[in-house]
């Protein structure tokens, strides 16, 4: 089973979704994330809020959708976009595409507490979407 989570920067939402899905699904699944315009690094508050639930993403790196091997893309089962502005890559016809628009928690106008709260809300929202996805898709 190949699953790809996409957001623009691959620094927050898609990193959180990838980590939660890897924690919840069988290790045999190939679960990845990418961005259309990847940031330089994973956001510190994404790392923090995932650490708060016992998942370490501190060594994760952002990556571009263009850097993912063609074999993975050609064998995708699911693509899940996490932001309103994300554009899906061209994927095989059999790939199921889901759009889970989530507000971007990376907001330069937030103070530290507001930022952590925004990332926590994002993590909780994605967790609930994943639970629903697993049930509806029969995992």
C-alpha atoms as a PDB file:
ATOM      1  CA  UNK A   1       0.000   0.000   0.000  1.00  0.00           C
ATOM      2  CA  UNK A   2       1.491   3.335  -1.116  1.00  0.00           C
ATOM      3  CA  UNK A   3       0.169   6.532   0.464  1.00  0.00           C
ATOM      4  CA  UNK A   4       1.402  10.077  -0.244  1.00  0.00           C
ATOM      5  CA  UNK A   5       0.495  13.137   1.836  1.00  0.00           C
ATOM      6  CA  UNK A   6       0.951  16.514   0.146  1.00  0.00           C
ATOM      7  CA  UNK A   7       1.037  20.118   1.273  1.00  0.00           C
ATOM      8  CA  UNK A   8       2.879  23.113  -0.097  1.00  0.00           C
ATOM      9  CA  UNK A   9       5.885  23.322   2.235  1.00  0.00           C
ATOM     10  CA  UNK A  10       6.081  19.745   3.565  1.00  0.00           C
ATOM     11  CA  UNK A  11       7.098  21.313   6.863  1.00  0.00           C
ATOM     12  CA  UNK A  12       3.972  20.829   8.961  1.00  0.00           C
ATOM     13  CA  UNK A  13       0.690  19.290   7.858  1.00  0.00           C
ATOM     14  CA  UNK A  14       2.012  16.585   5.560  1.00  0.00           C
ATOM     15  CA  UNK A  15       4.848  15.723   7.972  1.00  0.00           C
ATOM     16  CA  UNK A  16       2.298  15.334  10.789  1.00  0.00           C
ATOM     17  CA  UNK A  17       0.025  13.195   8.598  1.00  0.00           C
ATOM     18  CA  UNK A  18       2.883  10.971   7.441  1.00  0.00           C
ATOM     19  CA  UNK A  19       4.102  10.415  11.007  1.00  0.00           C
ATOM     20  CA  UNK A  20       0.645   9.683  12.403  1.00  0.00           C
ATOM     21  CA  UNK A  21      -0.183   7.292   9.561  1.00  0.00           C
ATOM     22  CA  UNK A  22       3.136   5.449   9.991  1.00  0.00           C
ATOM     23  CA  UNK A  23       2.359   5.106  13.691  1.00  0.00           C
ATOM     24  CA  UNK A  24      -1.178   3.816  13.067  1.00  0.00           C
ATOM     25  CA  UNK A  25      -0.805   1.594   9.999  1.00  0.00           C
ATOM     26  CA  UNK A  26       1.156  -1.607   9.336  1.00  0.00           C
ATOM     27  CA  UNK A  27       4.895  -1.152   8.823  1.00  0.00           C
ATOM     28  CA  UNK A  28       4.535  -2.836   5.425  1.00  0.00           C
ATOM     29  CA  UNK A  29       2.780   0.265   4.051  1.00  0.00           C
ATOM     30  CA  UNK A  30       4.963   2.774   2.170  1.00  0.00           C
ATOM     31  CA  UNK A  31       3.842   6.130   3.548  1.00  0.00           C
ATOM     32  CA  UNK A  32       5.522   9.355   2.461  1.00  0.00           C
ATOM     33  CA  UNK A  33       4.988  13.093   2.347  1.00  0.00           C
ATOM     34  CA  UNK A  34       6.110  15.838   0.020  1.00  0.00           C
ATOM     35  CA  UNK A  35       5.486  19.431  -0.943  1.00  0.00           C
ATOM     36  CA  UNK A  36       5.059  21.366  -4.146  1.00  0.00           C
ATOM     37  CA  UNK A  37       7.348  24.110  -2.797  1.00  0.00           C
ATOM     38  CA  UNK A  38       9.176  22.486   0.119  1.00  0.00           C
ATOM     39  CA  UNK A  39      10.449  24.551   3.011  1.00  0.00           C
ATOM     40  CA  UNK A  40      14.069  24.310   4.150  1.00  0.00           C
ATOM     41  CA  UNK A  41      13.202  22.196   7.188  1.00  0.00           C
ATOM     42  CA  UNK A  42      10.396  20.672   9.211  1.00  0.00           C
ATOM     43  CA  UNK A  43       8.761  23.315  11.410  1.00  0.00           C
ATOM     44  CA  UNK A  44       9.950  23.251  15.026  1.00  0.00           C
ATOM     45  CA  UNK A  45       6.377  23.259  16.334  1.00  0.00           C
ATOM     46  CA  UNK A  46       5.444  20.258  14.177  1.00  0.00           C
ATOM     47  CA  UNK A  47       8.371  18.446  15.783  1.00  0.00           C
ATOM     48  CA  UNK A  48       7.243  19.609  19.242  1.00  0.00           C
ATOM     49  CA  UNK A  49       3.569  18.618  18.972  1.00  0.00           C
ATOM     50  CA  UNK A  50       4.426  15.220  17.512  1.00  0.00           C
ATOM     51  CA  UNK A  51       6.932  14.676  20.325  1.00  0.00           C
ATOM     52  CA  UNK A  52       4.114  15.475  22.748  1.00  0.00           C
ATOM     53  CA  UNK A  53       2.335  12.301  21.539  1.00  0.00           C
ATOM     54  CA  UNK A  54       5.499  10.199  21.507  1.00  0.00           C
ATOM     55  CA  UNK A  55       6.346  10.435  17.808  1.00  0.00           C
ATOM     56  CA  UNK A  56       9.806  11.736  16.910  1.00  0.00           C
ATOM     57  CA  UNK A  57      10.036  13.579  13.592  1.00  0.00           C
ATOM     58  CA  UNK A  58      13.099  15.611  14.548  1.00  0.00           C
ATOM     59  CA  UNK A  59      15.254  13.942  11.889  1.00  0.00           C
ATOM     60  CA  UNK A  60      12.659  14.233   9.098  1.00  0.00           C
ATOM     61  CA  UNK A  61      13.562  16.318   6.088  1.00  0.00           C
ATOM     62  CA  UNK A  62      11.294  18.129   3.674  1.00  0.00           C
ATOM     63  CA  UNK A  63      11.153  16.984   0.093  1.00  0.00           C
ATOM     64  CA  UNK A  64       9.683  18.015  -3.209  1.00  0.00           C
ATOM     65  CA  UNK A  65       7.071  15.966  -4.991  1.00  0.00           C
ATOM     66  CA  UNK A  66       9.479  16.091  -7.949  1.00  0.00           C
ATOM     67  CA  UNK A  67      12.119  14.174  -5.980  1.00  0.00           C
ATOM     68  CA  UNK A  68       9.970  11.098  -5.321  1.00  0.00           C
ATOM     69  CA  UNK A  69      10.815   8.067  -7.427  1.00  0.00           C
ATOM     70  CA  UNK A  70       8.592   7.370 -10.410  1.00  0.00           C
ATOM     71  CA  UNK A  71       8.050   3.783  -9.248  1.00  0.00           C
ATOM     72  CA  UNK A  72       6.385   5.009  -6.036  1.00  0.00           C
ATOM     73  CA  UNK A  73       4.261   7.584  -7.908  1.00  0.00           C
ATOM     74  CA  UNK A  74       3.247   5.032 -10.546  1.00  0.00           C
ATOM     75  CA  UNK A  75       2.080   2.625  -7.844  1.00  0.00           C
ATOM     76  CA  UNK A  76       0.238   5.052  -5.576  1.00  0.00           C
ATOM     77  CA  UNK A  77      -2.908   3.775  -3.909  1.00  0.00           C
ATOM     78  CA  UNK A  78      -3.791   7.085  -2.220  1.00  0.00           C
ATOM     79  CA  UNK A  79      -2.840  10.741  -2.479  1.00  0.00           C
ATOM     80  CA  UNK A  80      -4.109  12.951   0.319  1.00  0.00           C
ATOM     81  CA  UNK A  81      -3.719  16.712   0.013  1.00  0.00           C
ATOM     82  CA  UNK A  82      -3.821  18.724   3.210  1.00  0.00           C
ATOM     83  CA  UNK A  83      -4.150  22.290   2.029  1.00  0.00           C
ATOM     84  CA  UNK A  84      -6.496  24.284  -0.126  1.00  0.00           C
ATOM     85  CA  UNK A  85      -3.772  25.442  -2.478  1.00  0.00           C
ATOM     86  CA  UNK A  86      -2.098  22.076  -3.161  1.00  0.00           C
ATOM     87  CA  UNK A  87      -2.021  20.729  -6.690  1.00  0.00           C
ATOM     88  CA  UNK A  88      -1.974  16.965  -7.072  1.00  0.00           C
ATOM     89  CA  UNK A  89       0.699  15.388  -9.218  1.00  0.00           C
ATOM     90  CA  UNK A  90      -0.314  13.364 -12.213  1.00  0.00           C
ATOM     91  CA  UNK A  91      -1.074   9.955 -10.760  1.00  0.00           C
ATOM     92  CA  UNK A  92      -2.284   6.645 -12.143  1.00  0.00           C
ATOM     93  CA  UNK A  93      -6.009   6.479 -12.834  1.00  0.00           C
ATOM     94  CA  UNK A  94      -6.530   3.871 -10.102  1.00  0.00           C
ATOM     95  CA  UNK A  95      -5.112   6.196  -7.404  1.00  0.00           C
ATOM     96  CA  UNK A  96      -7.717   7.459  -4.960  1.00  0.00           C
ATOM     97  CA  UNK A  97      -7.328  11.165  -4.233  1.00  0.00           C
ATOM     98  CA  UNK A  98      -8.631  12.773  -1.065  1.00  0.00           C
ATOM     99  CA  UNK A  99      -8.591  16.486  -0.213  1.00  0.00           C
ATOM    100  CA  UNK A 100      -8.416  17.326   3.495  1.00  0.00           C
ATOM    101  CA  UNK A 101      -8.062  21.121   3.561  1.00  0.00           C
ATOM    102  CA  UNK A 102      -6.381  22.210   6.787  1.00  0.00           C
ATOM    103  CA  UNK A 103      -5.503  25.750   7.748  1.00  0.00           C
ATOM    104  CA  UNK A 104      -1.761  26.312   7.633  1.00  0.00           C
ATOM    105  CA  UNK A 105      -0.552  26.411  11.257  1.00  0.00           C
ATOM    106  CA  UNK A 106       2.694  28.124  10.194  1.00  0.00           C
ATOM    107  CA  UNK A 107       1.643  31.745  10.628  1.00  0.00           C
ATOM    108  CA  UNK A 108       4.234  34.484  11.159  1.00  0.00           C
ATOM    109  CA  UNK A 109       1.646  36.556  13.041  1.00  0.00           C
ATOM    110  CA  UNK A 110       1.353  33.957  15.821  1.00  0.00           C
ATOM    111  CA  UNK A 111       3.286  34.212  19.047  1.00  0.00           C
ATOM    112  CA  UNK A 112       4.910  31.031  20.398  1.00  0.00           C
ATOM    113  CA  UNK A 113       1.846  29.840  22.319  1.00  0.00           C
ATOM    114  CA  UNK A 114      -0.523  30.547  19.415  1.00  0.00           C
ATOM    115  CA  UNK A 115       1.789  28.656  17.055  1.00  0.00           C
ATOM    116  CA  UNK A 116       1.977  25.599  19.309  1.00  0.00           C
ATOM    117  CA  UNK A 117      -1.813  25.679  19.718  1.00  0.00           C
ATOM    118  CA  UNK A 118      -2.281  25.902  15.943  1.00  0.00           C
ATOM    119  CA  UNK A 119       0.023  22.932  15.340  1.00  0.00           C
ATOM    120  CA  UNK A 120      -1.741  20.972  18.094  1.00  0.00           C
ATOM    121  CA  UNK A 121      -5.155  21.651  16.476  1.00  0.00           C
ATOM    122  CA  UNK A 122      -3.722  20.569  13.121  1.00  0.00           C
ATOM    123  CA  UNK A 123      -2.352  17.339  14.626  1.00  0.00           C
ATOM    124  CA  UNK A 124      -5.684  16.543  16.289  1.00  0.00           C
ATOM    125  CA  UNK A 125      -7.656  17.314  13.130  1.00  0.00           C
ATOM    126  CA  UNK A 126      -5.420  15.134  10.966  1.00  0.00           C
ATOM    127  CA  UNK A 127      -5.563  12.344  13.566  1.00  0.00           C
ATOM    128  CA  UNK A 128      -9.370  12.386  13.413  1.00  0.00           C
ATOM    129  CA  UNK A 129      -9.356  12.463   9.594  1.00  0.00           C
ATOM    130  CA  UNK A 130      -6.965   9.493   9.557  1.00  0.00           C
ATOM    131  CA  UNK A 131      -9.200   7.484  11.910  1.00  0.00           C
ATOM    132  CA  UNK A 132     -12.186   8.130   9.638  1.00  0.00           C
ATOM    133  CA  UNK A 133     -10.103   7.300   6.541  1.00  0.00           C
ATOM    134  CA  UNK A 134      -8.924   3.989   8.044  1.00  0.00           C
ATOM    135  CA  UNK A 135     -12.496   2.984   8.858  1.00  0.00           C
ATOM    136  CA  UNK A 136     -14.010   3.992   5.495  1.00  0.00           C
ATOM    137  CA  UNK A 137     -11.163   2.410   3.505  1.00  0.00           C
ATOM    138  CA  UNK A 138     -11.178  -0.772   5.576  1.00  0.00           C
ATOM    139  CA  UNK A 139      -7.696  -0.722   7.121  1.00  0.00           C
END
